PDB file of all heavy atoms in Angstrom:
ATOM      1  N   GLY A   1      67.223  97.328  96.186  1.00  0.00           N
ATOM      2  CA  GLY A   1      67.566  98.175  95.098  1.00  0.00           C
ATOM      3  C   GLY A   1      67.648  97.450  93.654  1.00  0.00           C
ATOM      4  O   GLY A   1      68.044  98.192  92.634  1.00  0.00           O
ATOM      5  N   LEU A   2      67.077  96.272  93.570  1.00  0.00           N
ATOM      6  CA  LEU A   2      66.935  95.551  92.240  1.00  0.00           C
ATOM      7  C   LEU A   2      65.527  95.490  91.887  1.00  0.00           C
ATOM      8  O   LEU A   2      64.627  95.300  92.641  1.00  0.00           O
ATOM      9  CB  LEU A   2      67.544  94.263  92.332  1.00  0.00           C
ATOM     10  CG  LEU A   2      69.088  94.082  92.456  1.00  0.00           C
ATOM     11  CD1 LEU A   2      69.511  92.659  92.831  1.00  0.00           C
ATOM     12  CD2 LEU A   2      69.908  94.632  91.277  1.00  0.00           C
ATOM     13  N   MET A   3      65.268  95.708  90.447  1.00  0.00           N
ATOM     14  CA  MET A   3      63.893  95.619  89.989  1.00  0.00           C
ATOM     15  C   MET A   3      63.602  94.041  89.715  1.00  0.00           C
ATOM     16  O   MET A   3      62.474  93.690  89.695  1.00  0.00           O
ATOM     17  CB  MET A   3      63.794  96.485  88.813  1.00  0.00           C
ATOM     18  CG  MET A   3      63.948  97.915  89.051  1.00  0.00           C
ATOM     19  SD  MET A   3      63.758  99.065  87.594  1.00  0.00           S
ATOM     20  CE  MET A   3      65.137  98.586  86.625  1.00  0.00           C
ATOM     21  N   HIS A   4      64.592  93.409  89.343  1.00  0.00           N
ATOM     22  CA  HIS A   4      64.559  91.991  89.159  1.00  0.00           C
ATOM     23  C   HIS A   4      65.684  91.342  89.739  1.00  0.00           C
ATOM     24  O   HIS A   4      66.920  91.729  89.411  1.00  0.00           O
ATOM     25  CB  HIS A   4      64.499  91.671  87.629  1.00  0.00           C
ATOM     26  CG  HIS A   4      63.248  92.044  87.003  1.00  0.00           C
ATOM     27  ND1 HIS A   4      63.087  93.322  86.454  1.00  0.00           N
ATOM     28  CD2 HIS A   4      61.993  91.485  86.749  1.00  0.00           C
ATOM     29  CE1 HIS A   4      61.927  93.509  85.843  1.00  0.00           C
ATOM     30  NE2 HIS A   4      61.273  92.411  86.083  1.00  0.00           N
ATOM     31  N   TRP A   5      65.556  90.264  90.590  1.00  0.00           N
ATOM     32  CA  TRP A   5      66.632  89.553  91.156  1.00  0.00           C
ATOM     33  C   TRP A   5      67.253  88.605  90.113  1.00  0.00           C
ATOM     34  O   TRP A   5      68.480  88.502  89.942  1.00  0.00           O
ATOM     35  CB  TRP A   5      66.175  88.810  92.417  1.00  0.00           C
ATOM     36  CG  TRP A   5      67.344  87.835  93.014  1.00  0.00           C
ATOM     37  CD1 TRP A   5      67.326  86.506  92.948  1.00  0.00           C
ATOM     38  CD2 TRP A   5      68.462  88.262  93.632  1.00  0.00           C
ATOM     39  NE1 TRP A   5      68.488  86.025  93.421  1.00  0.00           N
ATOM     40  CE2 TRP A   5      69.316  87.030  93.835  1.00  0.00           C
ATOM     41  CE3 TRP A   5      69.223  89.397  93.878  1.00  0.00           C
ATOM     42  CZ2 TRP A   5      70.513  86.980  94.434  1.00  0.00           C
ATOM     43  CZ3 TRP A   5      70.398  89.450  94.375  1.00  0.00           C
ATOM     44  CH2 TRP A   5      71.114  88.309  94.834  1.00  0.00           C
ATOM     45  N   GLU A   6      66.331  87.976  89.353  1.00  0.00           N
ATOM     46  CA  GLU A   6      66.714  86.995  88.348  1.00  0.00           C
ATOM     47  C   GLU A   6      66.070  87.289  87.079  1.00  0.00           C
ATOM     48  O   GLU A   6      64.880  87.523  87.087  1.00  0.00           O
ATOM     49  CB  GLU A   6      66.504  85.608  88.901  1.00  0.00           C
ATOM     50  CG  GLU A   6      66.914  84.457  87.877  1.00  0.00           C
ATOM     51  CD  GLU A   6      66.460  83.014  88.513  1.00  0.00           C
ATOM     52  OE1 GLU A   6      66.853  82.633  89.514  1.00  0.00           O
ATOM     53  OE2 GLU A   6      65.557  82.450  87.821  1.00  0.00           O
ATOM     54  N   ILE A   7      66.899  87.241  86.007  1.00  0.00           N
ATOM     55  CA  ILE A   7      66.331  87.318  84.681  1.00  0.00           C
ATOM     56  C   ILE A   7      66.906  86.183  83.754  1.00  0.00           C
ATOM     57  O   ILE A   7      68.110  86.196  83.657  1.00  0.00           O
ATOM     58  CB  ILE A   7      66.726  88.656  83.992  1.00  0.00           C
ATOM     59  CG1 ILE A   7      65.850  89.731  84.701  1.00  0.00           C
ATOM     60  CG2 ILE A   7      66.155  88.763  82.566  1.00  0.00           C
ATOM     61  CD1 ILE A   7      66.232  91.180  84.348  1.00  0.00           C
ATOM     62  N   GLY A   8      66.170  85.388  83.299  1.00  0.00           N
ATOM     63  CA  GLY A   8      66.495  84.272  82.334  1.00  0.00           C
ATOM     64  C   GLY A   8      67.424  83.363  83.130  1.00  0.00           C
ATOM     65  O   GLY A   8      68.427  82.693  82.538  1.00  0.00           O
ATOM     66  N   GLY A   9      67.366  83.269  84.531  1.00  0.00           N
ATOM     67  CA  GLY A   9      68.238  82.395  85.373  1.00  0.00           C
ATOM     68  C   GLY A   9      69.486  83.159  85.723  1.00  0.00           C
ATOM     69  O   GLY A   9      70.356  82.638  86.567  1.00  0.00           O
ATOM     70  N   TYR A  10      69.738  84.429  85.314  1.00  0.00           N
ATOM     71  CA  TYR A  10      71.006  85.096  85.667  1.00  0.00           C
ATOM     72  C   TYR A  10      70.710  86.131  86.788  1.00  0.00           C
ATOM     73  O   TYR A  10      69.763  86.984  86.782  1.00  0.00           O
ATOM     74  CB  TYR A  10      71.411  86.059  84.419  1.00  0.00           C
ATOM     75  CG  TYR A  10      71.839  85.011  83.285  1.00  0.00           C
ATOM     76  CD1 TYR A  10      71.017  84.866  82.244  1.00  0.00           C
ATOM     77  CD2 TYR A  10      73.138  84.431  83.214  1.00  0.00           C
ATOM     78  CE1 TYR A  10      71.428  83.999  81.019  1.00  0.00           C
ATOM     79  CE2 TYR A  10      73.470  83.665  82.209  1.00  0.00           C
ATOM     80  CZ  TYR A  10      72.641  83.436  81.177  1.00  0.00           C
ATOM     81  OH  TYR A  10      73.018  82.475  80.050  1.00  0.00           O
ATOM     82  N   GLU A  11      71.545  86.081  87.776  1.00  0.00           N
ATOM     83  CA  GLU A  11      71.528  86.984  88.911  1.00  0.00           C
ATOM     84  C   GLU A  11      72.657  88.037  88.693  1.00  0.00           C
ATOM     85  O   GLU A  11      73.544  87.783  87.702  1.00  0.00           O
ATOM     86  CB  GLU A  11      71.945  86.292  90.113  1.00  0.00           C
ATOM     87  CG  GLU A  11      70.823  85.270  90.571  1.00  0.00           C
ATOM     88  CD  GLU A  11      71.154  84.485  91.749  1.00  0.00           C
ATOM     89  OE1 GLU A  11      72.259  84.741  92.457  1.00  0.00           O
ATOM     90  OE2 GLU A  11      70.512  83.462  92.028  1.00  0.00           O
ATOM     91  N   PRO A  12      72.761  89.169  89.281  1.00  0.00           N
ATOM     92  CA  PRO A  12      73.840  90.182  89.121  1.00  0.00           C
ATOM     93  C   PRO A  12      75.168  89.721  89.037  1.00  0.00           C
ATOM     94  O   PRO A  12      76.098  90.023  88.326  1.00  0.00           O
ATOM     95  CB  PRO A  12      73.552  91.182  90.292  1.00  0.00           C
ATOM     96  CG  PRO A  12      72.067  91.042  90.563  1.00  0.00           C
ATOM     97  CD  PRO A  12      71.756  89.571  90.343  1.00  0.00           C
ATOM     98  N   LYS A  13      75.441  88.746  89.944  1.00  0.00           N
ATOM     99  CA  LYS A  13      76.983  88.131  90.011  1.00  0.00           C
ATOM    100  C   LYS A  13      77.335  87.417  88.885  1.00  0.00           C
ATOM    101  O   LYS A  13      78.471  86.999  88.591  1.00  0.00           O
ATOM    102  CB  LYS A  13      76.888  87.174  91.265  1.00  0.00           C
ATOM    103  CG  LYS A  13      76.187  85.883  91.073  1.00  0.00           C
ATOM    104  CD  LYS A  13      76.211  84.979  92.355  1.00  0.00           C
ATOM    105  CE  LYS A  13      75.354  83.693  92.116  1.00  0.00           C
ATOM    106  NZ  LYS A  13      75.502  82.856  93.251  1.00  0.00           N
ATOM    107  N   ASP A  14      76.359  87.161  87.820  1.00  0.00           N
ATOM    108  CA  ASP A  14      76.618  86.305  86.740  1.00  0.00           C
ATOM    109  C   ASP A  14      77.121  87.180  85.572  1.00  0.00           C
ATOM    110  O   ASP A  14      77.409  86.771  84.501  1.00  0.00           O
ATOM    111  CB  ASP A  14      75.443  85.575  86.102  1.00  0.00           C
ATOM    112  CG  ASP A  14      75.026  84.432  87.261  1.00  0.00           C
ATOM    113  OD1 ASP A  14      75.821  83.858  87.777  1.00  0.00           O
ATOM    114  OD2 ASP A  14      73.825  84.440  87.518  1.00  0.00           O
ATOM    115  N   ILE A  15      77.316  88.456  85.853  1.00  0.00           N
ATOM    116  CA  ILE A  15      77.898  89.513  84.814  1.00  0.00           C
ATOM    117  C   ILE A  15      79.373  89.576  85.065  1.00  0.00           C
ATOM    118  O   ILE A  15      79.813  89.718  86.224  1.00  0.00           O
ATOM    119  CB  ILE A  15      77.224  90.872  85.032  1.00  0.00           C
ATOM    120  CG1 ILE A  15      75.629  90.786  84.697  1.00  0.00           C
ATOM    121  CG2 ILE A  15      77.718  91.805  84.061  1.00  0.00           C
ATOM    122  CD1 ILE A  15      74.855  91.883  85.183  1.00  0.00           C
ATOM    123  N   GLU A  16      80.153  89.602  83.952  1.00  0.00           N
ATOM    124  CA  GLU A  16      81.629  89.575  84.080  1.00  0.00           C
ATOM    125  C   GLU A  16      82.064  90.685  83.127  1.00  0.00           C
ATOM    126  O   GLU A  16      81.812  90.660  81.948  1.00  0.00           O
ATOM    127  CB  GLU A  16      82.278  88.284  83.814  1.00  0.00           C
ATOM    128  CG  GLU A  16      83.722  88.220  83.890  1.00  0.00           C
ATOM    129  CD  GLU A  16      84.268  86.888  83.561  1.00  0.00           C
ATOM    130  OE1 GLU A  16      83.625  86.146  83.027  1.00  0.00           O
ATOM    131  OE2 GLU A  16      85.535  86.767  83.673  1.00  0.00           O
ATOM    132  N   VAL A  17      82.789  91.586  83.628  1.00  0.00           N
ATOM    133  CA  VAL A  17      83.617  92.538  82.529  1.00  0.00           C
ATOM    134  C   VAL A  17      84.727  91.904  82.034  1.00  0.00           C
ATOM    135  O   VAL A  17      85.651  91.594  82.834  1.00  0.00           O
ATOM    136  CB  VAL A  17      84.040  93.910  83.356  1.00  0.00           C
ATOM    137  CG1 VAL A  17      84.609  94.731  82.388  1.00  0.00           C
ATOM    138  CG2 VAL A  17      82.723  94.502  84.065  1.00  0.00           C
ATOM    139  N   VAL A  18      84.878  91.733  80.634  1.00  0.00           N
ATOM    140  CA  VAL A  18      85.866  91.206  80.114  1.00  0.00           C
ATOM    141  C   VAL A  18      86.857  92.084  79.181  1.00  0.00           C
ATOM    142  O   VAL A  18      87.908  91.729  78.731  1.00  0.00           O
ATOM    143  CB  VAL A  18      85.486  90.015  79.183  1.00  0.00           C
ATOM    144  CG1 VAL A  18      84.888  88.887  80.021  1.00  0.00           C
ATOM    145  CG2 VAL A  18      84.532  90.383  78.036  1.00  0.00           C
ATOM    146  N   ALA A  19      86.294  93.309  79.114  1.00  0.00           N
ATOM    147  CA  ALA A  19      86.979  94.348  78.264  1.00  0.00           C
ATOM    148  C   ALA A  19      86.417  95.719  78.675  1.00  0.00           C
ATOM    149  O   ALA A  19      85.354  95.886  79.075  1.00  0.00           O
ATOM    150  CB  ALA A  19      86.967  94.052  76.862  1.00  0.00           C
ATOM    151  N   ALA A  20      87.366  96.810  78.545  1.00  0.00           N
ATOM    152  CA  ALA A  20      86.833  98.106  78.827  1.00  0.00           C
ATOM    153  C   ALA A  20      87.764  99.103  78.136  1.00  0.00           C
ATOM    154  O   ALA A  20      89.032  98.801  77.701  1.00  0.00           O
ATOM    155  CB  ALA A  20      87.075  98.301  80.347  1.00  0.00           C
ATOM    156  N   PHE A  21      87.199 100.186  77.823  1.00  0.00           N
ATOM    157  CA  PHE A  21      87.884 101.296  76.987  1.00  0.00           C
ATOM    158  C   PHE A  21      87.660 102.572  77.618  1.00  0.00           C
ATOM    159  O   PHE A  21      86.669 102.996  78.156  1.00  0.00           O
ATOM    160  CB  PHE A  21      87.267 101.396  75.519  1.00  0.00           C
ATOM    161  CG  PHE A  21      87.369  99.889  74.764  1.00  0.00           C
ATOM    162  CD1 PHE A  21      86.264  99.176  74.820  1.00  0.00           C
ATOM    163  CD2 PHE A  21      88.428  99.638  74.074  1.00  0.00           C
ATOM    164  CE1 PHE A  21      86.291  97.879  74.128  1.00  0.00           C
ATOM    165  CE2 PHE A  21      88.474  98.519  73.324  1.00  0.00           C
ATOM    166  CZ  PHE A  21      87.395  97.601  73.433  1.00  0.00           C
ATOM    167  N   ASP A  22      88.781 103.439  77.606  1.00  0.00           N
ATOM    168  CA  ASP A  22      88.697 104.713  78.224  1.00  0.00           C
ATOM    169  C   ASP A  22      89.876 105.544  77.591  1.00  0.00           C
ATOM    170  O   ASP A  22      90.731 104.946  76.856  1.00  0.00           O
ATOM    171  CB  ASP A  22      88.933 104.763  79.716  1.00  0.00           C
ATOM    172  CG  ASP A  22      88.329 106.034  80.428  1.00  0.00           C
ATOM    173  OD1 ASP A  22      88.856 107.097  80.351  1.00  0.00           O
ATOM    174  OD2 ASP A  22      87.173 105.831  80.899  1.00  0.00           O
ATOM    175  N   VAL A  23      89.775 106.907  77.803  1.00  0.00           N
ATOM    176  CA  VAL A  23      90.844 107.695  77.185  1.00  0.00           C
ATOM    177  C   VAL A  23      91.582 108.582  78.146  1.00  0.00           C
ATOM    178  O   VAL A  23      92.532 109.311  77.855  1.00  0.00           O
ATOM    179  CB  VAL A  23      90.237 108.695  76.083  1.00  0.00           C
ATOM    180  CG1 VAL A  23      89.668 107.915  74.990  1.00  0.00           C
ATOM    181  CG2 VAL A  23      89.198 109.642  76.870  1.00  0.00           C
ATOM    182  N   ASP A  24      91.364 108.363  79.452  1.00  0.00           N
ATOM    183  CA  ASP A  24      92.011 109.073  80.546  1.00  0.00           C
ATOM    184  C   ASP A  24      93.182 108.272  81.068  1.00  0.00           C
ATOM    185  O   ASP A  24      93.228 107.033  81.195  1.00  0.00           O
ATOM    186  CB  ASP A  24      91.007 109.299  81.635  1.00  0.00           C
ATOM    187  CG  ASP A  24      91.490 110.300  82.797  1.00  0.00           C
ATOM    188  OD1 ASP A  24      92.526 110.028  83.485  1.00  0.00           O
ATOM    189  OD2 ASP A  24      90.851 111.201  82.957  1.00  0.00           O
ATOM    190  N   GLN A  25      94.367 109.075  81.124  1.00  0.00           N
ATOM    191  CA  GLN A  25      95.607 108.440  81.481  1.00  0.00           C
ATOM    192  C   GLN A  25      95.592 107.797  82.880  1.00  0.00           C
ATOM    193  O   GLN A  25      96.491 106.969  83.197  1.00  0.00           O
ATOM    194  CB  GLN A  25      96.671 109.481  81.321  1.00  0.00           C
ATOM    195  CG  GLN A  25      96.705 110.558  82.456  1.00  0.00           C
ATOM    196  CD  GLN A  25      97.912 111.439  82.280  1.00  0.00           C
ATOM    197  OE1 GLN A  25      98.433 111.670  81.251  1.00  0.00           O
ATOM    198  NE2 GLN A  25      98.348 112.179  83.350  1.00  0.00           N
ATOM    199  N   ARG A  26      94.681 108.179  83.688  1.00  0.00           N
ATOM    200  CA  ARG A  26      94.680 107.511  85.116  1.00  0.00           C
ATOM    201  C   ARG A  26      93.834 106.238  85.010  1.00  0.00           C
ATOM    202  O   ARG A  26      93.895 105.560  86.075  1.00  0.00           O
ATOM    203  CB  ARG A  26      93.894 108.526  85.953  1.00  0.00           C
ATOM    204  CG  ARG A  26      94.711 109.707  86.330  1.00  0.00           C
ATOM    205  CD  ARG A  26      93.820 110.909  86.852  1.00  0.00           C
ATOM    206  NE  ARG A  26      92.887 111.446  85.944  1.00  0.00           N
ATOM    207  CZ  ARG A  26      92.173 112.538  86.188  1.00  0.00           C
ATOM    208  NH1 ARG A  26      92.318 113.176  87.282  1.00  0.00           N
ATOM    209  NH2 ARG A  26      91.362 112.962  85.161  1.00  0.00           N
ATOM    210  N   LYS A  27      93.377 105.847  83.820  1.00  0.00           N
ATOM    211  CA  LYS A  27      92.636 104.726  83.766  1.00  0.00           C
ATOM    212  C   LYS A  27      93.091 103.682  82.676  1.00  0.00           C
ATOM    213  O   LYS A  27      93.234 102.392  82.903  1.00  0.00           O
ATOM    214  CB  LYS A  27      91.082 104.965  83.476  1.00  0.00           C
ATOM    215  CG  LYS A  27      90.472 105.853  84.470  1.00  0.00           C
ATOM    216  CD  LYS A  27      88.972 106.220  84.095  1.00  0.00           C
ATOM    217  CE  LYS A  27      88.318 106.993  85.261  1.00  0.00           C
ATOM    218  NZ  LYS A  27      87.029 107.507  84.750  1.00  0.00           N
ATOM    219  N   VAL A  28      93.673 104.247  81.604  1.00  0.00           N
ATOM    220  CA  VAL A  28      94.216 103.307  80.545  1.00  0.00           C
ATOM    221  C   VAL A  28      95.327 102.592  81.111  1.00  0.00           C
ATOM    222  O   VAL A  28      96.299 103.011  81.794  1.00  0.00           O
ATOM    223  CB  VAL A  28      94.568 104.226  79.360  1.00  0.00           C
ATOM    224  CG1 VAL A  28      95.338 103.309  78.368  1.00  0.00           C
ATOM    225  CG2 VAL A  28      93.341 104.927  78.773  1.00  0.00           C
ATOM    226  N   GLY A  29      95.202 101.244  80.898  1.00  0.00           N
ATOM    227  CA  GLY A  29      96.280 100.341  81.473  1.00  0.00           C
ATOM    228  C   GLY A  29      96.098  99.828  82.896  1.00  0.00           C
ATOM    229  O   GLY A  29      96.911  98.961  83.224  1.00  0.00           O
ATOM    230  N   GLN A  30      95.263 100.373  83.423  1.00  0.00           N
ATOM    231  CA  GLN A  30      94.956  99.888  84.947  1.00  0.00           C
ATOM    232  C   GLN A  30      93.920  98.806  84.845  1.00  0.00           C
ATOM    233  O   GLN A  30      93.074  98.598  83.941  1.00  0.00           O
ATOM    234  CB  GLN A  30      94.236 101.089  85.680  1.00  0.00           C
ATOM    235  CG  GLN A  30      95.304 102.197  86.052  1.00  0.00           C
ATOM    236  CD  GLN A  30      96.408 101.867  86.919  1.00  0.00           C
ATOM    237  OE1 GLN A  30      96.176 101.136  87.870  1.00  0.00           O
ATOM    238  NE2 GLN A  30      97.551 102.384  86.665  1.00  0.00           N
ATOM    239  N   ASP A  31      93.952  97.908  85.913  1.00  0.00           N
ATOM    240  CA  ASP A  31      93.037  96.942  86.047  1.00  0.00           C
ATOM    241  C   ASP A  31      91.674  97.643  86.353  1.00  0.00           C
ATOM    242  O   ASP A  31      91.562  98.625  86.978  1.00  0.00           O
ATOM    243  CB  ASP A  31      93.368  96.011  87.295  1.00  0.00           C
ATOM    244  CG  ASP A  31      92.355  94.799  87.437  1.00  0.00           C
ATOM    245  OD1 ASP A  31      91.256  94.824  87.958  1.00  0.00           O
ATOM    246  OD2 ASP A  31      92.847  93.762  86.833  1.00  0.00           O
ATOM    247  N   VAL A  32      90.585  96.944  85.787  1.00  0.00           N
ATOM    248  CA  VAL A  32      89.272  97.651  85.840  1.00  0.00           C
ATOM    249  C   VAL A  32      88.849  97.872  87.238  1.00  0.00           C
ATOM    250  O   VAL A  32      88.325  99.059  87.653  1.00  0.00           O
ATOM    251  CB  VAL A  32      88.238  96.778  85.111  1.00  0.00           C
ATOM    252  CG1 VAL A  32      86.828  97.240  85.510  1.00  0.00           C
ATOM    253  CG2 VAL A  32      88.424  96.746  83.674  1.00  0.00           C
ATOM    254  N   SER A  33      89.249  97.014  88.129  1.00  0.00           N
ATOM    255  CA  SER A  33      88.873  97.173  89.521  1.00  0.00           C
ATOM    256  C   SER A  33      89.516  98.416  90.233  1.00  0.00           C
ATOM    257  O   SER A  33      89.039  98.889  91.085  1.00  0.00           O
ATOM    258  CB  SER A  33      89.324  95.975  90.339  1.00  0.00           C
ATOM    259  OG  SER A  33      90.795  95.828  90.214  1.00  0.00           O
ATOM    260  N   LYS A  34      90.596  98.911  89.676  1.00  0.00           N
ATOM    261  CA  LYS A  34      91.280 100.122  90.193  1.00  0.00           C
ATOM    262  C   LYS A  34      90.719 101.333  89.342  1.00  0.00           C
ATOM    263  O   LYS A  34      90.552 102.446  90.014  1.00  0.00           O
ATOM    264  CB  LYS A  34      92.795 100.068  90.166  1.00  0.00           C
ATOM    265  CG  LYS A  34      93.365  99.021  91.246  1.00  0.00           C
ATOM    266  CD  LYS A  34      94.953  98.970  91.066  1.00  0.00           C
ATOM    267  CE  LYS A  34      95.338  98.208  92.264  1.00  0.00           C
ATOM    268  NZ  LYS A  34      94.952  96.770  92.365  1.00  0.00           N
ATOM    269  N   ALA A  35      90.566 101.226  88.148  1.00  0.00           N
ATOM    270  CA  ALA A  35      90.180 102.186  87.243  1.00  0.00           C
ATOM    271  C   ALA A  35      88.789 102.842  87.672  1.00  0.00           C
ATOM    272  O   ALA A  35      88.522 104.033  87.496  1.00  0.00           O
ATOM    273  CB  ALA A  35      90.154 101.797  85.780  1.00  0.00           C
ATOM    274  N   ILE A  36      87.892 102.066  88.174  1.00  0.00           N
ATOM    275  CA  ILE A  36      86.638 102.509  88.574  1.00  0.00           C
ATOM    276  C   ILE A  36      86.695 103.480  89.694  1.00  0.00           C
ATOM    277  O   ILE A  36      85.666 104.273  89.952  1.00  0.00           O
ATOM    278  CB  ILE A  36      85.463 101.426  88.796  1.00  0.00           C
ATOM    279  CG1 ILE A  36      86.040 100.554  89.988  1.00  0.00           C
ATOM    280  CG2 ILE A  36      85.334 100.484  87.559  1.00  0.00           C
ATOM    281  CD1 ILE A  36      85.037  99.532  90.428  1.00  0.00           C
ATOM    282  N   PHE A  37      87.751 103.502  90.439  1.00  0.00           N
ATOM    283  CA  PHE A  37      87.793 104.355  91.567  1.00  0.00           C
ATOM    284  C   PHE A  37      88.858 105.505  91.252  1.00  0.00           C
ATOM    285  O   PHE A  37      89.063 106.466  92.180  1.00  0.00           O
ATOM    286  CB  PHE A  37      88.323 103.651  92.753  1.00  0.00           C
ATOM    287  CG  PHE A  37      87.302 102.558  93.305  1.00  0.00           C
ATOM    288  CD1 PHE A  37      87.761 101.363  93.309  1.00  0.00           C
ATOM    289  CD2 PHE A  37      85.900 102.817  93.559  1.00  0.00           C
ATOM    290  CE1 PHE A  37      86.846 100.262  93.713  1.00  0.00           C
ATOM    291  CE2 PHE A  37      85.168 101.874  93.923  1.00  0.00           C
ATOM    292  CZ  PHE A  37      85.526 100.569  94.073  1.00  0.00           C
ATOM    293  N   ALA A  38      89.188 105.684  90.102  1.00  0.00           N
ATOM    294  CA  ALA A  38      90.309 106.851  89.657  1.00  0.00           C
ATOM    295  C   ALA A  38      89.591 108.034  89.349  1.00  0.00           C
ATOM    296  O   ALA A  38      88.447 108.005  88.845  1.00  0.00           O
ATOM    297  CB  ALA A  38      91.119 106.302  88.508  1.00  0.00           C
ATOM    298  N   LYS A  39      90.147 109.095  89.629  1.00  0.00           N
ATOM    299  CA  LYS A  39      89.647 110.468  89.209  1.00  0.00           C
ATOM    300  C   LYS A  39      89.414 110.472  87.715  1.00  0.00           C
ATOM    301  O   LYS A  39      90.236 109.801  86.938  1.00  0.00           O
ATOM    302  CB  LYS A  39      90.607 111.555  89.673  1.00  0.00           C
ATOM    303  CG  LYS A  39      90.817 111.827  91.154  1.00  0.00           C
ATOM    304  CD  LYS A  39      89.496 112.389  91.750  1.00  0.00           C
ATOM    305  CE  LYS A  39      89.674 112.697  93.267  1.00  0.00           C
ATOM    306  NZ  LYS A  39      88.460 113.292  93.823  1.00  0.00           N
ATOM    307  N   PRO A  40      88.508 111.184  87.195  1.00  0.00           N
ATOM    308  CA  PRO A  40      87.674 112.085  87.966  1.00  0.00           C
ATOM    309  C   PRO A  40      86.318 111.460  88.436  1.00  0.00           C
ATOM    310  O   PRO A  40      85.395 112.210  88.770  1.00  0.00           O
ATOM    311  CB  PRO A  40      87.303 113.181  86.889  1.00  0.00           C
ATOM    312  CG  PRO A  40      87.196 112.448  85.630  1.00  0.00           C
ATOM    313  CD  PRO A  40      88.343 111.407  85.790  1.00  0.00           C
ATOM    314  N   ASN A  41      86.326 110.140  88.592  1.00  0.00           N
ATOM    315  CA  ASN A  41      85.072 109.475  89.209  1.00  0.00           C
ATOM    316  C   ASN A  41      84.980 110.121  90.604  1.00  0.00           C
ATOM    317  O   ASN A  41      85.828 110.311  91.281  1.00  0.00           O
ATOM    318  CB  ASN A  41      85.250 108.029  89.202  1.00  0.00           C
ATOM    319  CG  ASN A  41      85.309 107.399  87.844  1.00  0.00           C
ATOM    320  OD1 ASN A  41      85.313 108.123  86.899  1.00  0.00           O
ATOM    321  ND2 ASN A  41      85.321 106.062  87.799  1.00  0.00           N
TER     322      ASN A  41
END
């Protein structure tokens, strides 16, 4: 499912989310790891 495994020496695991913004009360204030599974997703 990847078009490129490595780009410039970077693999998918080398991406890190360090900030996120939303306006839904079920996501704001939540850890990103939980917010991605919150409704209405």
